Amino acid sequence: MKTTLILQVITSLVLLTHAFSEDGPDLPFVDLSGDTKRHTIIAAGTEDVYQGHPTTLLMPDEKTIFTVWCIDHGGSAGPMARSDDGGLNWTRLDDTLPPGYSTHQNCPSIYRLVDPEGQARLWVWSAALGTRQGPGMPSIMSEDEGKTWTEMPPLGLPCVMTFSSIVKLKDGRYLGLYHKGPEGKDKSPLEVYQMITADGGLTWSEPRMVAAVEGKDPCEPFVFRSPDGNELCCLLRENKRTGRSLVMFSSDEGKTWSTPVDTPWGLSGDRHIGVQLEDGRWVFAFRDQAPDSPTKHHFVAWVGSYDDIKNGTPGEYRIKLLHSHAKRVGDCGYPGVELLPDGTLVITTYIKYEEGPEKHSVVTTRFKIDETDALLKSL
């Protein structure tokens, strides 16, 4: 009863806010953020150590998850952990990694790519080597599903952040997207670039700019395939935050892209990562940056259909996943989103988890969509 009352109040506040906003909330939301039984602390922040910017990888066995992150905000790589039980328990792997990996900088991202001969490789790319201005896109790589790792030469490309998403093309190649500013520096105007690998990540095509928007800063692209398989969709953070996030589409496997346009209000945020549910809906997690949102700057998820994204319709609802206690607003939300065979969503981020002197932690939360559907119906 208490939970239902709280949710009713939240919905009333959403509707009230919308009444006084030209571009305000158009979706209800449910709040899981206070349910600590759902949470697992992978790496706890301390008064001295800031754990930041994780990404995750679910392996083909659908229970093993890897996560990588950096120390400090966009700082040095080095940490890695593995869960063998779908994110409930984690083992740190830092000491098994190449020593040079700790010199890689800024938001490492982990992927599994398979070459034409069937060799699977795990890759962890970072943005720079040595300093933020060092050689771009260094990496470590594993050819034995993460048992051992080798440091690889940097791709040598300037970027603000390395690949924030990679998607498999119909011909078996992979398309990777990243963003950069002038000379790779973190300043306007930001632009989105893509490259393609035909050999499972060992070599890449020359970068090609695919998104630039006058007066806006598109970045942190997340690319995924439409339910019918015939279209690529790419959600983009808009770093000036003058309105909503951006979205663009490709119907020719990334050869051309549509002009980026605004997303639905509920998808406005930073660093989208998502997964399609068995019932066809999508769940995307991100740092909330929607105009006038009652959960702005916290870690949230959007639930809706691909057609909602395509047609600019609102979607179904949002979920407040975790509450940020950071004094620096919006300092959370680089996620991993994994769907387990039983329907459990395991969503990982970095966040100032509690009040007090401790810095950011890497945390997972878990739920099934029928739980949040039921909460929504109870409003």
Protein backbone atom coordinates (compact mmCIF):
# COMPACT_ATOMS: atom_id res chain seq x y z
CA MET A 1 0.00 0.00 0.00
CA LYS A 2 2.81 2.39 0.91
CA THR A 3 4.63 1.66 -2.37
CA THR A 4 1.44 2.22 -4.37
CA LEU A 5 0.83 5.57 -2.66
CA ILE A 6 4.37 6.71 -3.39
CA LEU A 7 3.99 5.76 -7.04
CA GLN A 8 0.69 7.62 -7.29
CA VAL A 9 2.35 10.74 -5.90
CA ILE A 10 5.20 10.36 -8.38
CA THR A 11 2.77 10.10 -11.31
CA SER A 12 0.89 13.19 -10.11
CA LEU A 13 4.14 15.13 -9.96
CA VAL A 14 5.00 14.01 -13.48
CA LEU A 15 1.66 15.20 -14.83
CA LEU A 16 1.89 18.48 -12.92
CA THR A 17 5.36 19.14 -14.28
CA HIS A 18 4.17 18.42 -17.81
CA ALA A 19 1.36 20.95 -17.42
CA PHE A 20 3.88 23.76 -16.92
CA SER A 21 6.53 22.68 -19.42
CA GLU A 22 6.73 23.09 -23.17
CA ASP A 23 8.93 19.99 -23.39
CA GLY A 24 8.34 18.10 -20.20
CA PRO A 25 7.43 14.63 -18.98
CA ASP A 26 5.00 12.64 -21.08
CA LEU A 27 5.50 9.27 -19.36
CA PRO A 28 4.81 7.84 -15.91
CA PHE A 29 7.66 6.21 -14.05
CA VAL A 30 8.13 3.57 -11.39
CA ASP A 31 10.87 3.72 -8.77
CA LEU A 32 13.11 0.75 -7.95
CA SER A 33 15.99 2.85 -6.67
CA GLY A 34 15.36 2.30 -2.98
CA ASP A 35 15.08 -1.49 -3.20
CA THR A 36 18.61 -2.35 -2.07
CA LYS A 37 17.93 -6.11 -2.24
CA ARG A 38 18.27 -5.74 -6.01
CA HIS A 39 21.74 -4.20 -5.76
CA THR A 40 25.20 -5.76 -5.95
CA ILE A 41 28.30 -3.66 -5.31
CA ILE A 42 30.97 -4.83 -7.74
CA ALA A 43 33.55 -2.25 -6.64
CA ALA A 44 32.91 0.06 -3.70
CA GLY A 45 34.15 3.60 -3.81
CA THR A 46 36.24 4.87 -0.90
CA GLU A 47 37.24 8.31 0.32
CA ASP A 48 40.21 8.07 -2.06
CA VAL A 49 39.06 5.81 -4.93
CA TYR A 50 36.43 6.76 -7.50
CA GLN A 51 35.15 3.77 -9.51
CA GLY A 52 33.83 5.00 -12.84
CA HIS A 53 32.32 4.33 -16.26
CA PRO A 54 31.71 0.56 -16.57
CA THR A 55 30.61 -1.45 -19.56
CA THR A 56 29.62 -5.13 -19.56
CA LEU A 57 29.66 -8.17 -21.83
CA LEU A 58 27.36 -11.21 -21.52
CA MET A 59 29.06 -14.32 -22.86
CA PRO A 60 27.36 -16.94 -25.10
CA ASP A 61 26.66 -19.20 -22.10
CA GLU A 62 24.24 -16.43 -20.99
CA LYS A 63 25.45 -16.50 -17.39
CA THR A 64 29.07 -15.27 -17.50
CA ILE A 65 29.39 -11.48 -17.47
CA PHE A 66 32.57 -9.42 -17.75
CA THR A 67 32.74 -5.80 -16.70
CA VAL A 68 35.51 -3.24 -17.13
CA TRP A 69 35.77 0.29 -15.74
CA CYS A 70 38.24 3.04 -14.95
CA ILE A 71 39.55 4.75 -11.82
CA ASP A 72 38.48 8.39 -11.48
CA HIS A 73 36.22 10.25 -13.87
CA GLY A 74 37.46 9.21 -17.32
CA GLY A 75 40.71 8.11 -15.70
CA SER A 76 42.98 5.08 -15.95
CA ALA A 77 41.78 1.63 -16.95
CA GLY A 78 42.90 -1.42 -14.99
CA PRO A 79 39.91 -2.95 -13.20
CA MET A 80 38.05 -5.96 -14.60
CA ALA A 81 35.64 -8.37 -12.94
CA ARG A 82 33.82 -11.52 -13.99
CA SER A 83 30.57 -13.02 -12.73
CA ASP A 84 29.84 -16.70 -13.35
CA ASP A 85 26.28 -16.55 -12.04
CA GLY A 86 24.56 -13.79 -13.95
CA GLY A 87 25.85 -10.87 -11.93
CA LEU A 88 25.15 -12.03 -8.36
CA ASN A 89 28.79 -12.60 -7.40
CA TRP A 90 31.95 -11.10 -8.91
CA THR A 91 35.66 -11.96 -9.05
CA ARG A 92 38.26 -9.27 -9.70
CA LEU A 93 40.68 -10.07 -12.54
CA ASP A 94 42.96 -7.00 -12.42
CA ASP A 95 46.08 -9.01 -11.58
CA THR A 96 45.64 -11.27 -14.62
CA LEU A 97 45.74 -8.39 -17.12
CA PRO A 98 48.75 -6.96 -18.99
CA PRO A 99 50.61 -4.39 -16.84
CA GLY A 100 50.34 -1.77 -19.57
CA TYR A 101 46.56 -1.89 -19.44
CA SER A 102 46.57 0.39 -16.38
CA THR A 103 48.08 3.15 -18.56
CA HIS A 104 45.07 3.10 -20.90
CA GLN A 105 42.79 6.07 -20.35
CA ASN A 106 39.10 6.96 -20.34
CA CYS A 107 36.06 4.70 -20.33
CA PRO A 108 37.14 1.22 -21.47
CA SER A 109 34.54 -0.72 -23.46
CA ILE A 110 34.39 -4.53 -23.84
CA TYR A 111 33.14 -6.51 -26.87
CA ARG A 112 33.19 -10.03 -28.31
CA LEU A 113 33.86 -10.20 -32.06
CA VAL A 114 34.06 -13.34 -34.22
CA ASP A 115 36.20 -13.36 -37.38
CA PRO A 116 35.28 -15.12 -40.68
CA GLU A 117 37.16 -18.28 -39.59
CA GLY A 118 35.08 -18.50 -36.42
CA GLN A 119 37.76 -17.26 -34.00
CA ALA A 120 36.14 -15.32 -31.17
CA ARG A 121 38.09 -12.51 -29.55
CA LEU A 122 37.28 -10.39 -26.54
CA TRP A 123 38.44 -6.80 -26.91
CA VAL A 124 38.71 -3.95 -24.43
CA TRP A 125 39.32 -0.62 -26.15
CA SER A 126 40.05 2.62 -24.30
CA ALA A 127 40.27 6.19 -25.57
CA ALA A 128 43.96 7.00 -25.16
CA LEU A 129 47.32 5.67 -24.02
CA GLY A 130 49.37 7.32 -21.29
CA THR A 131 47.48 10.61 -21.25
CA ARG A 132 44.18 11.76 -22.66
CA GLN A 133 46.18 13.26 -25.54
CA GLY A 134 48.26 10.08 -26.15
CA PRO A 135 47.86 7.62 -29.06
CA GLY A 136 44.17 6.91 -29.56
CA MET A 137 42.31 3.65 -28.97
CA PRO A 138 44.71 1.26 -27.25
CA SER A 139 43.32 -2.18 -26.42
CA ILE A 140 43.81 -5.54 -24.78
CA MET A 141 42.57 -8.73 -26.45
CA SER A 142 41.80 -12.33 -25.47
CA GLU A 143 41.53 -15.31 -27.82
CA ASP A 144 40.51 -17.77 -25.09
CA GLU A 145 37.25 -16.21 -23.87
CA GLY A 146 38.92 -14.05 -21.25
CA LYS A 147 41.31 -16.52 -19.61
CA THR A 148 44.43 -14.66 -20.81
CA TRP A 149 44.92 -11.19 -22.28
CA THR A 150 47.44 -9.50 -24.58
CA GLU A 151 48.07 -5.77 -24.94
CA MET A 152 47.56 -4.67 -28.55
CA PRO A 153 48.97 -1.64 -30.41
CA PRO A 154 46.77 1.47 -30.37
CA LEU A 155 44.71 2.10 -33.48
CA GLY A 156 46.29 5.56 -33.37
CA LEU A 157 43.04 7.47 -33.84
CA PRO A 158 42.15 10.56 -31.80
CA CYS A 159 38.85 10.34 -29.99
CA VAL A 160 37.04 11.64 -26.94
CA MET A 161 35.84 8.13 -26.25
CA THR A 162 36.54 4.83 -27.95
CA PHE A 163 33.83 2.64 -29.50
CA SER A 164 30.71 3.21 -27.45
CA SER A 165 28.91 0.56 -29.51
CA ILE A 166 29.64 -2.09 -32.12
CA VAL A 167 27.04 -3.93 -34.21
CA LYS A 168 27.39 -6.98 -36.48
CA LEU A 169 26.50 -6.36 -40.11
CA LYS A 170 24.62 -8.81 -42.32
CA ASP A 171 27.81 -9.80 -44.17
CA GLY A 172 29.57 -10.76 -40.92
CA ARG A 173 31.68 -7.63 -40.57
CA TYR A 174 31.33 -5.32 -37.57
CA LEU A 175 30.60 -1.59 -37.53
CA GLY A 176 31.96 0.45 -34.62
CA LEU A 177 30.92 3.99 -33.67
CA TYR A 178 32.73 6.60 -31.58
CA HIS A 179 32.93 10.37 -31.25
CA LYS A 180 35.55 13.09 -31.20
CA GLY A 181 35.96 16.85 -31.28
CA PRO A 182 38.48 18.95 -33.22
CA GLU A 183 41.79 17.10 -33.17
CA GLY A 184 40.19 14.56 -30.86
CA LYS A 185 39.75 16.97 -27.98
CA ASP A 186 36.73 17.07 -25.74
CA LYS A 187 35.21 20.30 -27.01
CA SER A 188 32.62 21.45 -29.53
CA PRO A 189 31.69 20.64 -32.13
CA LEU A 190 31.49 16.92 -31.40
CA GLU A 191 31.03 14.54 -34.33
CA VAL A 192 30.31 10.83 -34.63
CA TYR A 193 32.55 8.54 -36.71
CA GLN A 194 32.32 4.94 -37.81
CA MET A 195 34.79 2.25 -38.84
CA ILE A 196 34.32 -1.33 -40.06
CA THR A 197 36.36 -4.45 -39.33
CA ALA A 198 36.29 -7.54 -41.55
CA ASP A 199 38.68 -9.65 -39.44
CA GLY A 200 37.17 -9.62 -35.99
CA GLY A 201 38.76 -6.39 -34.77
CA LEU A 202 42.38 -6.85 -35.82
CA THR A 203 42.20 -4.16 -38.50
CA TRP A 204 39.70 -1.40 -39.26
CA SER A 205 38.69 0.77 -42.20
CA GLU A 206 39.48 4.46 -42.29
CA PRO A 207 37.18 6.51 -40.04
CA ARG A 208 34.19 8.18 -41.69
CA MET A 209 32.15 10.97 -40.12
CA VAL A 210 28.46 10.00 -40.00
CA ALA A 211 26.81 12.54 -37.68
CA ALA A 212 27.30 16.26 -37.16
CA VAL A 213 24.47 18.59 -36.17
CA GLU A 214 24.71 22.36 -36.28
CA GLY A 215 24.26 23.84 -32.83
CA LYS A 216 24.37 20.43 -31.14
CA ASP A 217 27.03 17.98 -29.96
CA PRO A 218 26.13 14.39 -30.89
CA CYS A 219 28.22 11.82 -29.05
CA GLU A 220 28.28 8.43 -27.31
CA PRO A 221 26.42 6.57 -30.09
CA PHE A 222 24.55 3.35 -29.34
CA VAL A 223 23.71 1.34 -32.46
CA PHE A 224 21.34 -1.62 -32.63
CA ARG A 225 19.31 -3.50 -35.22
CA SER A 226 15.57 -3.15 -35.84
CA PRO A 227 13.33 -6.11 -34.97
CA ASP A 228 12.92 -7.06 -38.65
CA GLY A 229 16.69 -6.93 -39.13
CA ASN A 230 16.59 -4.48 -42.02
CA GLU A 231 17.54 -1.22 -40.32
CA LEU A 232 20.18 0.11 -37.97
CA CYS A 233 19.12 2.64 -35.34
CA CYS A 234 21.58 4.83 -33.47
CA LEU A 235 20.75 6.78 -30.31
CA LEU A 236 23.02 9.76 -29.59
CA ARG A 237 23.74 11.77 -26.49
CA GLU A 238 23.38 15.51 -27.17
CA ASN A 239 26.12 17.09 -25.11
CA LYS A 240 24.91 20.71 -25.24
CA ARG A 241 21.73 19.46 -23.56
CA THR A 242 19.57 22.15 -25.07
CA GLY A 243 16.69 19.71 -25.51
CA ARG A 244 16.28 16.03 -26.27
CA SER A 245 18.73 13.37 -27.35
CA LEU A 246 19.14 12.47 -31.01
CA VAL A 247 18.47 9.44 -33.19
CA MET A 248 19.41 8.45 -36.73
CA PHE A 249 18.76 5.44 -38.97
CA SER A 250 20.46 3.47 -41.73
CA SER A 251 18.66 1.15 -44.15
CA ASP A 252 21.85 0.15 -46.01
CA GLU A 253 24.07 -1.33 -43.27
CA GLY A 254 25.73 1.94 -42.38
CA LYS A 255 26.63 3.12 -45.87
CA THR A 256 24.41 6.16 -45.31
CA TRP A 257 22.59 7.56 -42.30
CA SER A 258 19.56 9.77 -41.94
CA THR A 259 19.91 13.26 -40.51
CA PRO A 260 19.77 13.02 -36.70
CA VAL A 261 16.47 14.15 -35.19
CA ASP A 262 15.12 14.44 -31.66
CA THR A 263 14.24 11.29 -29.75
CA PRO A 264 11.03 10.93 -27.78
CA TRP A 265 11.24 12.94 -24.54
CA GLY A 266 11.65 9.83 -22.40
CA LEU A 267 14.83 8.76 -24.21
CA SER A 268 16.64 12.02 -23.51
CA GLY A 269 19.82 11.15 -21.67
CA ASP A 270 23.49 10.29 -21.79
CA ARG A 271 25.14 7.03 -22.83
CA HIS A 272 22.21 4.86 -23.90
CA ILE A 273 22.65 1.09 -23.78
CA GLY A 274 19.73 -1.27 -24.33
CA VAL A 275 18.39 -4.70 -25.10
CA GLN A 276 15.28 -6.14 -26.71
CA LEU A 277 12.98 -8.17 -24.48
CA GLU A 278 11.39 -11.46 -25.45
CA ASP A 279 8.02 -9.72 -25.91
CA GLY A 280 9.55 -7.35 -28.48
CA ARG A 281 9.83 -4.24 -26.32
CA TRP A 282 13.12 -2.50 -25.65
CA VAL A 283 14.73 -1.37 -22.41
CA PHE A 284 17.41 1.36 -22.56
CA ALA A 285 19.35 2.54 -19.50
CA PHE A 286 21.07 5.93 -19.31
CA ARG A 287 21.78 9.04 -17.26
CA ASP A 288 18.56 11.04 -17.26
CA GLN A 289 18.86 14.42 -19.01
CA ALA A 290 15.26 14.86 -20.14
CA PRO A 291 13.97 18.44 -19.88
CA ASP A 292 12.14 19.03 -16.58
CA SER A 293 12.35 15.37 -15.63
CA PRO A 294 11.62 14.61 -11.96
CA THR A 295 14.44 12.03 -12.09
CA LYS A 296 16.92 14.23 -13.94
CA HIS A 297 20.60 13.37 -13.34
CA HIS A 298 19.75 9.97 -11.85
CA PHE A 299 20.11 6.51 -13.45
CA VAL A 300 16.96 5.53 -15.32
CA ALA A 301 15.56 3.21 -17.98
CA TRP A 302 13.01 3.70 -20.75
CA VAL A 303 10.57 0.97 -21.80
CA GLY A 304 8.92 1.10 -25.22
CA SER A 305 8.85 -0.27 -28.75
CA TYR A 306 11.07 0.21 -31.74
CA ASP A 307 8.13 1.92 -33.45
CA ASP A 308 8.07 4.46 -30.62
CA ILE A 309 11.65 5.41 -31.44
CA LYS A 310 11.02 5.38 -35.17
CA ASN A 311 7.82 7.44 -34.98
CA GLY A 312 8.77 9.75 -32.14
CA THR A 313 5.99 8.51 -29.85
CA PRO A 314 6.53 8.53 -26.07
CA GLY A 315 6.91 4.83 -25.23
CA GLU A 316 5.34 3.11 -22.22
CA TYR A 317 7.10 4.24 -19.05
CA ARG A 318 10.40 4.97 -17.33
CA ILE A 319 12.10 3.31 -14.36
CA LYS A 320 14.24 5.07 -11.79
CA LEU A 321 16.94 2.45 -11.35
CA LEU A 322 19.37 4.06 -8.92
CA HIS A 323 19.57 7.35 -7.04
CA SER A 324 22.68 9.48 -7.47
CA HIS A 325 24.00 11.22 -4.34
CA ALA A 326 26.69 13.05 -6.31
CA LYS A 327 27.19 16.75 -5.70
CA ARG A 328 28.28 17.04 -9.33
CA VAL A 329 24.92 16.59 -11.03
CA GLY A 330 24.65 13.95 -13.69
CA ASP A 331 27.75 12.06 -12.58
CA CYS A 332 26.47 8.52 -13.16
CA GLY A 333 24.96 6.34 -15.79
CA TYR A 334 27.52 4.69 -18.07
CA PRO A 335 25.78 1.35 -18.19
CA GLY A 336 25.88 -2.24 -19.18
CA VAL A 337 22.51 -3.85 -19.89
CA GLU A 338 22.28 -7.65 -20.06
CA LEU A 339 19.23 -9.92 -20.41
CA LEU A 340 19.45 -13.39 -18.82
CA PRO A 341 17.50 -16.42 -20.12
CA ASP A 342 14.96 -16.22 -17.27
CA GLY A 343 14.10 -12.63 -18.20
CA THR A 344 16.21 -10.96 -15.51
CA LEU A 345 17.72 -7.65 -16.56
CA VAL A 346 21.17 -7.06 -15.04
CA ILE A 347 22.01 -3.37 -15.37
CA THR A 348 25.36 -1.97 -14.25
CA THR A 349 26.56 1.59 -13.72
CA TYR A 350 28.84 3.81 -11.68
CA ILE A 351 27.15 6.01 -9.10
CA LYS A 352 27.60 7.89 -5.86
CA TYR A 353 25.67 5.20 -4.06
CA GLU A 354 25.21 6.76 -0.63
CA GLU A 355 25.62 9.99 1.26
CA GLY A 356 29.00 10.43 2.94
CA PRO A 357 32.66 10.80 1.98
CA GLU A 358 32.88 7.67 -0.16
CA LYS A 359 33.28 8.28 -3.88
CA HIS A 360 31.50 6.50 -6.72
CA SER A 361 30.98 2.73 -6.82
CA VAL A 362 30.28 0.27 -9.61
CA VAL A 363 26.85 -1.22 -8.89
CA THR A 364 24.38 -3.58 -10.55
CA THR A 365 20.63 -3.64 -10.14
CA ARG A 366 18.40 -6.46 -11.36
CA PHE A 367 14.69 -6.91 -12.08
CA LYS A 368 12.24 -8.56 -14.46
CA ILE A 369 10.03 -6.49 -16.70
CA ASP A 370 6.86 -8.12 -15.35
CA GLU A 371 7.75 -6.65 -11.94
CA THR A 372 7.84 -3.10 -13.26
CA ASP A 373 4.81 -3.72 -15.49
CA ALA A 374 2.90 -4.72 -12.36
CA LEU A 375 4.04 -1.62 -10.49
CA LEU A 376 2.87 0.52 -13.38
CA LYS A 377 -0.57 -1.15 -13.36
CA SER A 378 -0.87 -0.46 -9.66
CA LEU A 379 -0.71 3.30 -10.18
